[in-house]
Amino acid sequence: MKSIFKLLSFSLTLAIAFVYMSCSKDVAVTNYATQNVIVVVVDGARYTETWGEPNHQFIPHRSSMLSEGVFCNRFYNQGTTSTVPGHTAMCTGVYQEINNGGAEYPMYPSFLQCWLHDYHRPASEAWVITTKDKLAVLSNCTHADWKDHYVPNTDCGINGLGTGYREDSTTFRKVKQTLKSYHPRLMLINFKQPDAAGHANDSMAYLQGIMDTDNYVYQLWNEIQNDDFYKNRTTLLVTNDHGRHTAGHLNGFVTHGDDCDGCRHIELFGLGPDFKKNYISSVRYEQIDIANTVAQLLGIQMPFAKGRCMSDILK
């Protein structure tokens, strides 16, 4: 009888401990080493000027960092090939025809909102930091159960939604300040210059924008590796919201927005403790798979996401 009582008492203790961990842990209890995720979006860079350029001359840092990470050479935006829809897809795991000017919030919660919900963490641990002000809409959604709840912090554009774009250098400075001041566990970053220069029909500035963001990615990874809070427990993903028209199609790199290969074929590069090293995946993946992969790494539920985990890039 005593042994049965002890067994029941031990089982109850385990159950209470499990509930406590589920509700109170500040990091996910998973089989993965990843505790923090940072997603960098290089706005509007065409694949043919990044990984599709044979010598990788415009992304030398990412090219050299591949020895420590993974690259998906068949990664696509299968939704609307514009800025807000592209970011919405990767954050929510759902393609949505959404206003591209920042006048509408996504319908479903992002992986940032889901993480804040599942682990009961403060908004200061999840950030949306973007050069484009309109991307502040990524912090919230319209779904009745999620609207205005579990909203991450934002630092977008000059001074928030409707205030206009700022320089990428300012965004990068804000990113570094936030990492040091708050040590967030989740961050979504946008750099605009390739897209802005493309629309201005300035090919030199477009290429320079790609090289500048490559340097930001390199510096960001060094910041991560030199901070004990982030080192060996942080996943960094680099992608695009959309590409640009294929050369010879319409007005080429100047605009985007249709289903040509130049607009759809984009980058997915990753570094982190749970990724294979020096690995190139030829599995076809798409934007909505980012949300599911982040959810898998962090052990969170995304009830509306329609993508899949990019399992072959994981160890």
C-alpha atoms as a PDB file:
ATOM      1  CA  MET A   1       0.000   0.000   0.000  1.00  0.00           C
ATOM      2  CA  LYS A   2       2.831   2.368   0.915  1.00  0.00           C
ATOM      3  CA  SER A   3       4.599   1.624  -2.358  1.00  0.00           C
ATOM      4  CA  ILE A   4       1.417   2.443  -4.316  1.00  0.00           C
ATOM      5  CA  PHE A   5       1.023   5.690  -2.380  1.00  0.00           C
ATOM      6  CA  LYS A   6       4.657   6.601  -3.101  1.00  0.00           C
ATOM      7  CA  LEU A   7       4.180   5.834  -6.794  1.00  0.00           C
ATOM      8  CA  LEU A   8       1.048   7.997  -6.967  1.00  0.00           C
ATOM      9  CA  SER A   9       2.784  10.782  -5.068  1.00  0.00           C
ATOM     10  CA  PHE A  10       5.784  10.634  -7.424  1.00  0.00           C
ATOM     11  CA  SER A  11       3.511  10.682 -10.494  1.00  0.00           C
ATOM     12  CA  LEU A  12       1.636  13.687  -9.143  1.00  0.00           C
ATOM     13  CA  THR A  13       4.927  15.499  -8.514  1.00  0.00           C
ATOM     14  CA  LEU A  14       6.023  14.841 -12.092  1.00  0.00           C
ATOM     15  CA  ALA A  15       2.688  16.071 -13.443  1.00  0.00           C
ATOM     16  CA  ILE A  16       2.896  19.286 -11.428  1.00  0.00           C
ATOM     17  CA  ALA A  17       6.475  19.829 -12.553  1.00  0.00           C
ATOM     18  CA  PHE A  18       5.464  19.326 -16.186  1.00  0.00           C
ATOM     19  CA  VAL A  19       2.620  21.841 -15.913  1.00  0.00           C
ATOM     20  CA  TYR A  20       4.962  24.317 -14.245  1.00  0.00           C
ATOM     21  CA  MET A  21       7.564  23.966 -16.972  1.00  0.00           C
ATOM     22  CA  SER A  22       4.952  24.282 -19.701  1.00  0.00           C
ATOM     23  CA  CYS A  23       3.574  27.510 -18.260  1.00  0.00           C
ATOM     24  CA  SER A  24       6.632  29.136 -16.736  1.00  0.00           C
ATOM     25  CA  LYS A  25       9.772  28.173 -18.637  1.00  0.00           C
ATOM     26  CA  ASP A  26      11.482  31.064 -20.320  1.00  0.00           C
ATOM     27  CA  VAL A  27      12.781  28.840 -23.109  1.00  0.00           C
ATOM     28  CA  ALA A  28      11.241  25.948 -24.966  1.00  0.00           C
ATOM     29  CA  VAL A  29      11.725  22.385 -23.726  1.00  0.00           C
ATOM     30  CA  THR A  30      12.555  20.648 -27.011  1.00  0.00           C
ATOM     31  CA  ASN A  31      15.086  18.291 -28.531  1.00  0.00           C
ATOM     32  CA  TYR A  32      16.786  21.262 -30.182  1.00  0.00           C
ATOM     33  CA  ALA A  33      19.571  23.532 -28.954  1.00  0.00           C
ATOM     34  CA  THR A  34      17.939  26.602 -30.507  1.00  0.00           C
ATOM     35  CA  GLN A  35      16.507  29.000 -27.936  1.00  0.00           C
ATOM     36  CA  ASN A  36      16.567  32.171 -30.036  1.00  0.00           C
ATOM     37  CA  VAL A  37      15.645  32.852 -33.666  1.00  0.00           C
ATOM     38  CA  ILE A  38      16.521  35.868 -35.803  1.00  0.00           C
ATOM     39  CA  VAL A  39      15.082  36.195 -39.324  1.00  0.00           C
ATOM     40  CA  VAL A  40      16.710  38.724 -41.669  1.00  0.00           C
ATOM     41  CA  VAL A  41      14.797  39.740 -44.789  1.00  0.00           C
ATOM     42  CA  VAL A  42      16.813  41.277 -47.619  1.00  0.00           C
ATOM     43  CA  ASP A  43      14.010  43.119 -49.356  1.00  0.00           C
ATOM     44  CA  GLY A  44      13.613  42.521 -53.072  1.00  0.00           C
ATOM     45  CA  ALA A  45      16.952  40.917 -53.940  1.00  0.00           C
ATOM     46  CA  ARG A  46      16.696  38.722 -57.015  1.00  0.00           C
ATOM     47  CA  TYR A  47      18.128  35.194 -56.767  1.00  0.00           C
ATOM     48  CA  THR A  48      20.282  35.762 -59.849  1.00  0.00           C
ATOM     49  CA  GLU A  49      22.225  38.443 -57.941  1.00  0.00           C
ATOM     50  CA  THR A  50      22.613  36.405 -54.734  1.00  0.00           C
ATOM     51  CA  TRP A  51      23.130  32.632 -54.716  1.00  0.00           C
ATOM     52  CA  GLY A  52      22.249  32.305 -58.386  1.00  0.00           C
ATOM     53  CA  GLU A  53      25.229  34.433 -59.400  1.00  0.00           C
ATOM     54  CA  PRO A  54      27.955  31.833 -60.159  1.00  0.00           C
ATOM     55  CA  ASN A  55      30.758  33.560 -58.230  1.00  0.00           C
ATOM     56  CA  HIS A  56      28.587  34.846 -55.368  1.00  0.00           C
ATOM     57  CA  GLN A  57      30.398  38.141 -55.805  1.00  0.00           C
ATOM     58  CA  PHE A  58      27.632  40.202 -54.185  1.00  0.00           C
ATOM     59  CA  ILE A  59      27.251  37.948 -51.123  1.00  0.00           C
ATOM     60  CA  PRO A  60      30.868  37.024 -50.282  1.00  0.00           C
ATOM     61  CA  HIS A  61      30.220  36.765 -46.553  1.00  0.00           C
ATOM     62  CA  ARG A  62      27.244  34.437 -46.810  1.00  0.00           C
ATOM     63  CA  SER A  63      29.096  32.376 -49.380  1.00  0.00           C
ATOM     64  CA  SER A  64      32.032  31.865 -47.013  1.00  0.00           C
ATOM     65  CA  MET A  65      29.686  31.234 -44.056  1.00  0.00           C
ATOM     66  CA  LEU A  66      28.046  28.330 -45.889  1.00  0.00           C
ATOM     67  CA  SER A  67      30.741  26.048 -44.446  1.00  0.00           C
ATOM     68  CA  GLU A  68      28.949  26.534 -41.113  1.00  0.00           C
ATOM     69  CA  GLY A  69      25.383  26.522 -42.383  1.00  0.00           C
ATOM     70  CA  VAL A  70      22.741  25.501 -44.894  1.00  0.00           C
ATOM     71  CA  PHE A  71      21.357  26.870 -48.147  1.00  0.00           C
ATOM     72  CA  CYS A  72      18.156  25.913 -49.946  1.00  0.00           C
ATOM     73  CA  ASN A  73      18.553  26.347 -53.701  1.00  0.00           C
ATOM     74  CA  ARG A  74      14.872  25.752 -54.500  1.00  0.00           C
ATOM     75  CA  PHE A  75      13.117  28.207 -52.212  1.00  0.00           C
ATOM     76  CA  TYR A  76      10.108  30.169 -53.473  1.00  0.00           C
ATOM     77  CA  ASN A  77       7.479  32.766 -52.703  1.00  0.00           C
ATOM     78  CA  GLN A  78       4.318  31.018 -53.882  1.00  0.00           C
ATOM     79  CA  GLY A  79       2.001  33.847 -52.859  1.00  0.00           C
ATOM     80  CA  THR A  80       1.839  37.517 -53.813  1.00  0.00           C
ATOM     81  CA  THR A  81       5.356  38.674 -54.688  1.00  0.00           C
ATOM     82  CA  SER A  82       5.266  41.983 -52.809  1.00  0.00           C
ATOM     83  CA  THR A  83       6.679  43.199 -49.503  1.00  0.00           C
ATOM     84  CA  VAL A  84       3.877  42.951 -46.931  1.00  0.00           C
ATOM     85  CA  PRO A  85       2.378  39.725 -48.367  1.00  0.00           C
ATOM     86  CA  GLY A  86       5.836  38.113 -48.487  1.00  0.00           C
ATOM     87  CA  HIS A  87       6.665  39.020 -44.895  1.00  0.00           C
ATOM     88  CA  THR A  88       3.192  37.933 -43.796  1.00  0.00           C
ATOM     89  CA  ALA A  89       3.645  34.504 -45.361  1.00  0.00           C
ATOM     90  CA  MET A  90       6.973  33.809 -43.677  1.00  0.00           C
ATOM     91  CA  CYS A  91       5.756  35.057 -40.278  1.00  0.00           C
ATOM     92  CA  THR A  92       2.318  33.422 -40.183  1.00  0.00           C
ATOM     93  CA  GLY A  93       2.789  30.356 -42.379  1.00  0.00           C
ATOM     94  CA  VAL A  94      -0.202  31.435 -44.476  1.00  0.00           C
ATOM     95  CA  TYR A  95      -0.295  33.158 -47.861  1.00  0.00           C
ATOM     96  CA  GLN A  96      -2.652  36.103 -47.720  1.00  0.00           C
ATOM     97  CA  GLU A  97      -3.718  38.728 -50.211  1.00  0.00           C
ATOM     98  CA  ILE A  98      -3.012  41.652 -47.927  1.00  0.00           C
ATOM     99  CA  ASN A  99      -2.681  45.383 -48.551  1.00  0.00           C
ATOM    100  CA  ASN A 100       0.929  46.192 -49.435  1.00  0.00           C
ATOM    101  CA  GLY A 101       0.875  49.707 -47.990  1.00  0.00           C
ATOM    102  CA  GLY A 102       0.537  48.861 -44.312  1.00  0.00           C
ATOM    103  CA  ALA A 103      -3.215  49.575 -44.175  1.00  0.00           C
ATOM    104  CA  GLU A 104      -4.129  46.048 -43.065  1.00  0.00           C
ATOM    105  CA  TYR A 105      -2.931  43.605 -40.422  1.00  0.00           C
ATOM    106  CA  PRO A 106      -2.362  39.929 -41.213  1.00  0.00           C
ATOM    107  CA  MET A 107      -5.305  37.656 -40.555  1.00  0.00           C
ATOM    108  CA  TYR A 108      -3.396  35.111 -38.450  1.00  0.00           C
ATOM    109  CA  PRO A 109      -0.785  35.329 -35.657  1.00  0.00           C
ATOM    110  CA  SER A 110       2.917  35.271 -36.433  1.00  0.00           C
ATOM    111  CA  PHE A 111       5.487  32.974 -34.879  1.00  0.00           C
ATOM    112  CA  LEU A 112       6.385  35.909 -32.610  1.00  0.00           C
ATOM    113  CA  GLN A 113       2.849  36.151 -31.225  1.00  0.00           C
ATOM    114  CA  CYS A 114       2.581  32.380 -30.867  1.00  0.00           C
ATOM    115  CA  TRP A 115       5.864  32.213 -28.962  1.00  0.00           C
ATOM    116  CA  LEU A 116       4.813  35.030 -26.602  1.00  0.00           C
ATOM    117  CA  HIS A 117       1.532  33.173 -26.035  1.00  0.00           C
ATOM    118  CA  ASP A 118       2.961  29.710 -25.474  1.00  0.00           C
ATOM    119  CA  TYR A 119       5.737  30.761 -23.103  1.00  0.00           C
ATOM    120  CA  HIS A 120       4.042  33.715 -21.397  1.00  0.00           C
ATOM    121  CA  ARG A 121       6.959  36.012 -22.092  1.00  0.00           C
ATOM    122  CA  PRO A 122       7.050  39.832 -22.108  1.00  0.00           C
ATOM    123  CA  ALA A 123       6.877  41.779 -25.381  1.00  0.00           C
ATOM    124  CA  SER A 124      10.469  42.944 -24.910  1.00  0.00           C
ATOM    125  CA  GLU A 125      11.669  39.424 -25.779  1.00  0.00           C
ATOM    126  CA  ALA A 126      10.245  39.514 -29.319  1.00  0.00           C
ATOM    127  CA  TRP A 127      10.884  42.345 -31.793  1.00  0.00           C
ATOM    128  CA  VAL A 128       9.996  43.467 -35.319  1.00  0.00           C
ATOM    129  CA  ILE A 129      12.753  45.862 -36.429  1.00  0.00           C
ATOM    130  CA  THR A 130      12.405  47.072 -40.009  1.00  0.00           C
ATOM    131  CA  THR A 131      13.563  49.836 -42.317  1.00  0.00           C
ATOM    132  CA  LYS A 132      10.090  49.980 -43.866  1.00  0.00           C
ATOM    133  CA  ASP A 133       7.508  51.512 -41.548  1.00  0.00           C
ATOM    134  CA  LYS A 134       4.612  49.584 -43.086  1.00  0.00           C
ATOM    135  CA  LEU A 135       5.999  46.319 -41.725  1.00  0.00           C
ATOM    136  CA  ALA A 136       4.908  47.328 -38.233  1.00  0.00           C
ATOM    137  CA  VAL A 137       1.674  45.503 -39.149  1.00  0.00           C
ATOM    138  CA  LEU A 138       3.541  42.214 -38.610  1.00  0.00           C
ATOM    139  CA  SER A 139       3.236  42.727 -34.859  1.00  0.00           C
ATOM    140  CA  ASN A 140      -0.505  42.048 -34.717  1.00  0.00           C
ATOM    141  CA  CYS A 141      -3.343  40.266 -36.518  1.00  0.00           C
ATOM    142  CA  THR A 142      -7.105  40.449 -36.986  1.00  0.00           C
ATOM    143  CA  HIS A 143      -8.083  36.991 -35.757  1.00  0.00           C
ATOM    144  CA  ALA A 144     -10.571  37.450 -32.918  1.00  0.00           C
ATOM    145  CA  ASP A 145      -8.674  35.230 -30.467  1.00  0.00           C
ATOM    146  CA  TRP A 146      -5.328  36.927 -31.091  1.00  0.00           C
ATOM    147  CA  LYS A 147      -5.977  40.565 -31.990  1.00  0.00           C
ATOM    148  CA  ASP A 148      -4.136  42.942 -29.645  1.00  0.00           C
ATOM    149  CA  HIS A 149      -2.803  40.022 -27.584  1.00  0.00           C
ATOM    150  CA  TYR A 150       0.778  38.767 -27.339  1.00  0.00           C
ATOM    151  CA  VAL A 151       2.027  41.692 -29.421  1.00  0.00           C
ATOM    152  CA  PRO A 152       5.821  41.939 -29.873  1.00  0.00           C
ATOM    153  CA  ASN A 153       7.722  45.208 -29.646  1.00  0.00           C
ATOM    154  CA  THR A 154       8.327  47.133 -32.873  1.00  0.00           C
ATOM    155  CA  ASP A 155      10.900  49.603 -34.165  1.00  0.00           C
ATOM    156  CA  CYS A 156       9.842  50.290 -37.751  1.00  0.00           C
ATOM    157  CA  GLY A 157      10.573  53.103 -40.174  1.00  0.00           C
ATOM    158  CA  ILE A 158      11.292  56.625 -39.002  1.00  0.00           C
ATOM    159  CA  ASN A 159       8.932  56.400 -36.047  1.00  0.00           C
ATOM    160  CA  GLY A 160       6.406  53.642 -36.609  1.00  0.00           C
ATOM    161  CA  LEU A 161       3.568  52.945 -39.023  1.00  0.00           C
ATOM    162  CA  GLY A 162       2.862  55.813 -41.407  1.00  0.00           C
ATOM    163  CA  THR A 163       6.103  57.722 -40.754  1.00  0.00           C
ATOM    164  CA  GLY A 164       8.105  56.628 -43.816  1.00  0.00           C
ATOM    165  CA  TYR A 165      11.213  54.567 -44.494  1.00  0.00           C
ATOM    166  CA  ARG A 166      14.599  55.091 -42.862  1.00  0.00           C
ATOM    167  CA  GLU A 167      18.107  54.024 -43.871  1.00  0.00           C
ATOM    168  CA  ASP A 168      19.236  50.421 -43.443  1.00  0.00           C
ATOM    169  CA  SER A 169      22.245  51.628 -41.469  1.00  0.00           C
ATOM    170  CA  THR A 170      19.839  53.043 -38.880  1.00  0.00           C
ATOM    171  CA  THR A 171      17.973  49.743 -38.715  1.00  0.00           C
ATOM    172  CA  PHE A 172      21.198  47.829 -38.182  1.00  0.00           C
ATOM    173  CA  ARG A 173      22.222  50.195 -35.397  1.00  0.00           C
ATOM    174  CA  LYS A 174      18.803  49.687 -33.781  1.00  0.00           C
ATOM    175  CA  VAL A 175      19.203  45.911 -34.078  1.00  0.00           C
ATOM    176  CA  LYS A 176      22.547  45.973 -32.271  1.00  0.00           C
ATOM    177  CA  GLN A 177      21.196  48.245 -29.546  1.00  0.00           C
ATOM    178  CA  THR A 178      18.189  45.996 -29.003  1.00  0.00           C
ATOM    179  CA  LEU A 179      20.312  42.852 -28.804  1.00  0.00           C
ATOM    180  CA  LYS A 180      22.472  44.421 -26.103  1.00  0.00           C
ATOM    181  CA  SER A 181      19.688  46.157 -24.153  1.00  0.00           C
ATOM    182  CA  TYR A 182      16.943  43.525 -24.184  1.00  0.00           C
ATOM    183  CA  HIS A 183      18.481  40.230 -25.316  1.00  0.00           C
ATOM    184  CA  PRO A 184      15.307  39.285 -27.204  1.00  0.00           C
ATOM    185  CA  ARG A 185      14.766  35.669 -28.108  1.00  0.00           C
ATOM    186  CA  LEU A 186      12.924  36.396 -31.345  1.00  0.00           C
ATOM    187  CA  MET A 187      13.581  39.061 -33.946  1.00  0.00           C
ATOM    188  CA  LEU A 188      12.347  39.830 -37.464  1.00  0.00           C
ATOM    189  CA  ILE A 189      14.565  42.301 -39.374  1.00  0.00           C
ATOM    190  CA  ASN A 190      13.989  43.984 -42.750  1.00  0.00           C
ATOM    191  CA  PHE A 191      16.556  45.832 -44.897  1.00  0.00           C
ATOM    192  CA  LYS A 192      15.041  47.775 -47.808  1.00  0.00           C
ATOM    193  CA  GLN A 193      17.883  48.969 -50.017  1.00  0.00           C
ATOM    194  CA  PRO A 194      17.935  46.375 -52.816  1.00  0.00           C
ATOM    195  CA  ASP A 195      14.200  46.874 -53.329  1.00  0.00           C
ATOM    196  CA  ALA A 196      14.327  50.672 -53.082  1.00  0.00           C
ATOM    197  CA  ALA A 197      17.247  50.941 -55.513  1.00  0.00           C
ATOM    198  CA  GLY A 198      15.594  48.539 -57.934  1.00  0.00           C
ATOM    199  CA  HIS A 199      12.447  50.645 -58.046  1.00  0.00           C
ATOM    200  CA  ALA A 200      14.657  53.684 -58.660  1.00  0.00           C
ATOM    201  CA  ASN A 201      16.166  51.872 -61.673  1.00  0.00           C
ATOM    202  CA  ASP A 202      19.629  52.260 -60.120  1.00  0.00           C
ATOM    203  CA  SER A 203      21.464  49.037 -60.858  1.00  0.00           C
ATOM    204  CA  MET A 204      24.656  50.042 -59.068  1.00  0.00           C
ATOM    205  CA  ALA A 205      22.801  51.008 -55.872  1.00  0.00           C
ATOM    206  CA  TYR A 206      20.786  47.795 -56.135  1.00  0.00           C
ATOM    207  CA  LEU A 207      23.926  45.656 -56.183  1.00  0.00           C
ATOM    208  CA  GLN A 208      25.536  47.771 -53.474  1.00  0.00           C
ATOM    209  CA  GLY A 209      22.433  47.261 -51.335  1.00  0.00           C
ATOM    210  CA  ILE A 210      22.827  43.494 -51.653  1.00  0.00           C
ATOM    211  CA  MET A 211      26.492  43.741 -50.652  1.00  0.00           C
ATOM    212  CA  ASP A 212      25.699  46.051 -47.721  1.00  0.00           C
ATOM    213  CA  THR A 213      23.099  43.671 -46.332  1.00  0.00           C
ATOM    214  CA  ASP A 214      25.539  40.797 -46.763  1.00  0.00           C
ATOM    215  CA  ASN A 215      27.915  42.739 -44.531  1.00  0.00           C
ATOM    216  CA  TYR A 216      25.132  43.363 -41.988  1.00  0.00           C
ATOM    217  CA  VAL A 217      24.420  39.618 -41.861  1.00  0.00           C
ATOM    218  CA  TYR A 218      28.112  38.913 -41.301  1.00  0.00           C
ATOM    219  CA  GLN A 219      28.372  41.482 -38.511  1.00  0.00           C
ATOM    220  CA  LEU A 220      25.162  40.245 -36.929  1.00  0.00           C
ATOM    221  CA  TRP A 221      26.427  36.672 -36.806  1.00  0.00           C
ATOM    222  CA  ASN A 222      29.661  37.886 -35.193  1.00  0.00           C
ATOM    223  CA  GLU A 223      27.604  39.767 -32.586  1.00  0.00           C
ATOM    224  CA  ILE A 224      25.714  36.559 -31.871  1.00  0.00           C
ATOM    225  CA  GLN A 225      28.854  34.472 -31.558  1.00  0.00           C
ATOM    226  CA  ASN A 226      30.458  36.976 -29.187  1.00  0.00           C
ATOM    227  CA  ASP A 227      27.520  37.129 -26.790  1.00  0.00           C
ATOM    228  CA  ASP A 228      27.203  34.241 -24.328  1.00  0.00           C
ATOM    229  CA  PHE A 229      23.429  34.707 -24.241  1.00  0.00           C
ATOM    230  CA  TYR A 230      23.193  33.911 -27.963  1.00  0.00           C
ATOM    231  CA  LYS A 231      26.247  31.784 -28.799  1.00  0.00           C
ATOM    232  CA  ASN A 232      25.463  28.154 -29.680  1.00  0.00           C
ATOM    233  CA  ARG A 233      21.750  28.644 -29.007  1.00  0.00           C
ATOM    234  CA  THR A 234      20.667  30.990 -31.792  1.00  0.00           C
ATOM    235  CA  THR A 235      19.354  30.261 -35.279  1.00  0.00           C
ATOM    236  CA  LEU A 236      19.802  32.917 -37.969  1.00  0.00           C
ATOM    237  CA  LEU A 237      17.739  32.731 -41.163  1.00  0.00           C
ATOM    238  CA  VAL A 238      18.313  34.994 -44.171  1.00  0.00           C
ATOM    239  CA  THR A 239      15.678  35.236 -46.881  1.00  0.00           C
ATOM    240  CA  ASN A 240      13.805  37.613 -49.209  1.00  0.00           C
ATOM    241  CA  ASP A 241      10.197  38.721 -49.282  1.00  0.00           C
ATOM    242  CA  HIS A 242      10.218  38.576 -53.100  1.00  0.00           C
ATOM    243  CA  GLY A 243      12.601  38.789 -56.021  1.00  0.00           C
ATOM    244  CA  ARG A 244      12.337  40.954 -59.131  1.00  0.00           C
ATOM    245  CA  HIS A 245      11.257  40.390 -62.714  1.00  0.00           C
ATOM    246  CA  THR A 246      13.484  38.034 -64.662  1.00  0.00           C
ATOM    247  CA  ALA A 247      15.934  39.804 -66.973  1.00  0.00           C
ATOM    248  CA  GLY A 248      14.175  40.462 -70.291  1.00  0.00           C
ATOM    249  CA  HIS A 249      10.729  40.135 -68.744  1.00  0.00           C
ATOM    250  CA  LEU A 250       8.743  43.381 -68.563  1.00  0.00           C
ATOM    251  CA  ASN A 251      11.130  46.004 -67.127  1.00  0.00           C
ATOM    252  CA  GLY A 252      13.456  43.490 -65.464  1.00  0.00           C
ATOM    253  CA  PHE A 253      14.931  44.253 -62.055  1.00  0.00           C
ATOM    254  CA  VAL A 254      13.085  47.575 -61.739  1.00  0.00           C
ATOM    255  CA  THR A 255       9.825  46.063 -60.461  1.00  0.00           C
ATOM    256  CA  HIS A 256       8.237  42.826 -59.270  1.00  0.00           C
ATOM    257  CA  GLY A 257       4.858  41.388 -58.458  1.00  0.00           C
ATOM    258  CA  ASP A 258       3.976  38.573 -60.849  1.00  0.00           C
ATOM    259  CA  ASP A 259       4.721  34.851 -60.992  1.00  0.00           C
ATOM    260  CA  CYS A 260       7.858  34.917 -63.152  1.00  0.00           C
ATOM    261  CA  ASP A 261      10.810  32.952 -61.809  1.00  0.00           C
ATOM    262  CA  GLY A 262      12.685  36.140 -60.980  1.00  0.00           C
ATOM    263  CA  CYS A 263       9.905  37.249 -58.634  1.00  0.00           C
ATOM    264  CA  ARG A 264       9.283  33.829 -57.079  1.00  0.00           C
ATOM    265  CA  HIS A 265      12.731  32.226 -56.719  1.00  0.00           C
ATOM    266  CA  ILE A 266      14.313  33.629 -53.548  1.00  0.00           C
ATOM    267  CA  GLU A 267      16.997  32.887 -50.970  1.00  0.00           C
ATOM    268  CA  LEU A 268      16.958  30.776 -47.823  1.00  0.00           C
ATOM    269  CA  PHE A 269      20.254  30.626 -45.929  1.00  0.00           C
ATOM    270  CA  GLY A 270      20.618  29.510 -42.328  1.00  0.00           C
ATOM    271  CA  LEU A 271      23.088  29.193 -39.482  1.00  0.00           C
ATOM    272  CA  GLY A 272      22.463  27.663 -36.101  1.00  0.00           C
ATOM    273  CA  PRO A 273      23.182  24.831 -33.670  1.00  0.00           C
ATOM    274  CA  ASP A 274      20.546  22.526 -35.144  1.00  0.00           C
ATOM    275  CA  PHE A 275      21.421  22.948 -38.819  1.00  0.00           C
ATOM    276  CA  LYS A 276      23.671  20.746 -40.875  1.00  0.00           C
ATOM    277  CA  LYS A 277      26.940  22.333 -41.946  1.00  0.00           C
ATOM    278  CA  ASN A 278      28.077  23.028 -45.489  1.00  0.00           C
ATOM    279  CA  TYR A 279      24.776  21.607 -46.688  1.00  0.00           C
ATOM    280  CA  ILE A 280      22.871  22.539 -49.833  1.00  0.00           C
ATOM    281  CA  SER A 281      19.281  21.349 -49.962  1.00  0.00           C
ATOM    282  CA  SER A 282      17.603  20.775 -53.317  1.00  0.00           C
ATOM    283  CA  VAL A 283      14.219  20.020 -51.749  1.00  0.00           C
ATOM    284  CA  ARG A 284      11.630  22.500 -52.931  1.00  0.00           C
ATOM    285  CA  TYR A 285      10.518  24.710 -50.042  1.00  0.00           C
ATOM    286  CA  GLU A 286       8.529  27.919 -49.838  1.00  0.00           C
ATOM    287  CA  GLN A 287       7.995  30.991 -47.689  1.00  0.00           C
ATOM    288  CA  ILE A 288       5.299  29.573 -45.444  1.00  0.00           C
ATOM    289  CA  ASP A 289       7.729  26.825 -44.379  1.00  0.00           C
ATOM    290  CA  ILE A 290       9.776  29.365 -42.402  1.00  0.00           C
ATOM    291  CA  ALA A 291       7.064  29.733 -39.746  1.00  0.00           C
ATOM    292  CA  ASN A 292       6.706  25.977 -39.343  1.00  0.00           C
ATOM    293  CA  THR A 293      10.456  25.460 -39.089  1.00  0.00           C
ATOM    294  CA  VAL A 294      10.762  28.167 -36.431  1.00  0.00           C
ATOM    295  CA  ALA A 295       7.846  26.576 -34.563  1.00  0.00           C
ATOM    296  CA  GLN A 296       9.547  23.183 -34.697  1.00  0.00           C
ATOM    297  CA  LEU A 297      12.816  24.544 -33.332  1.00  0.00           C
ATOM    298  CA  LEU A 298      11.165  26.468 -30.503  1.00  0.00           C
ATOM    299  CA  GLY A 299       8.476  23.958 -29.617  1.00  0.00           C
ATOM    300  CA  ILE A 300       5.531  26.267 -30.212  1.00  0.00           C
ATOM    301  CA  GLN A 301       2.109  25.701 -31.714  1.00  0.00           C
ATOM    302  CA  MET A 302       1.013  27.617 -34.820  1.00  0.00           C
ATOM    303  CA  PRO A 303      -2.616  26.541 -35.223  1.00  0.00           C
ATOM    304  CA  PHE A 304      -3.198  28.251 -38.576  1.00  0.00           C
ATOM    305  CA  ALA A 305       0.141  27.749 -40.365  1.00  0.00           C
ATOM    306  CA  LYS A 306      -0.049  25.741 -43.578  1.00  0.00           C
ATOM    307  CA  GLY A 307       3.655  25.181 -44.272  1.00  0.00           C
ATOM    308  CA  ARG A 308       5.932  22.319 -43.277  1.00  0.00           C
ATOM    309  CA  CYS A 309       9.156  21.994 -41.340  1.00  0.00           C
ATOM    310  CA  MET A 310      12.256  22.092 -43.552  1.00  0.00           C
ATOM    311  CA  SER A 311      13.405  18.881 -41.927  1.00  0.00           C
ATOM    312  CA  ASP A 312      16.233  17.912 -44.257  1.00  0.00           C
ATOM    313  CA  ILE A 313      18.327  20.944 -43.252  1.00  0.00           C
ATOM    314  CA  LEU A 314      18.199  19.890 -39.583  1.00  0.00           C
ATOM    315  CA  LYS A 315      20.777  17.599 -38.023  1.00  0.00           C
END
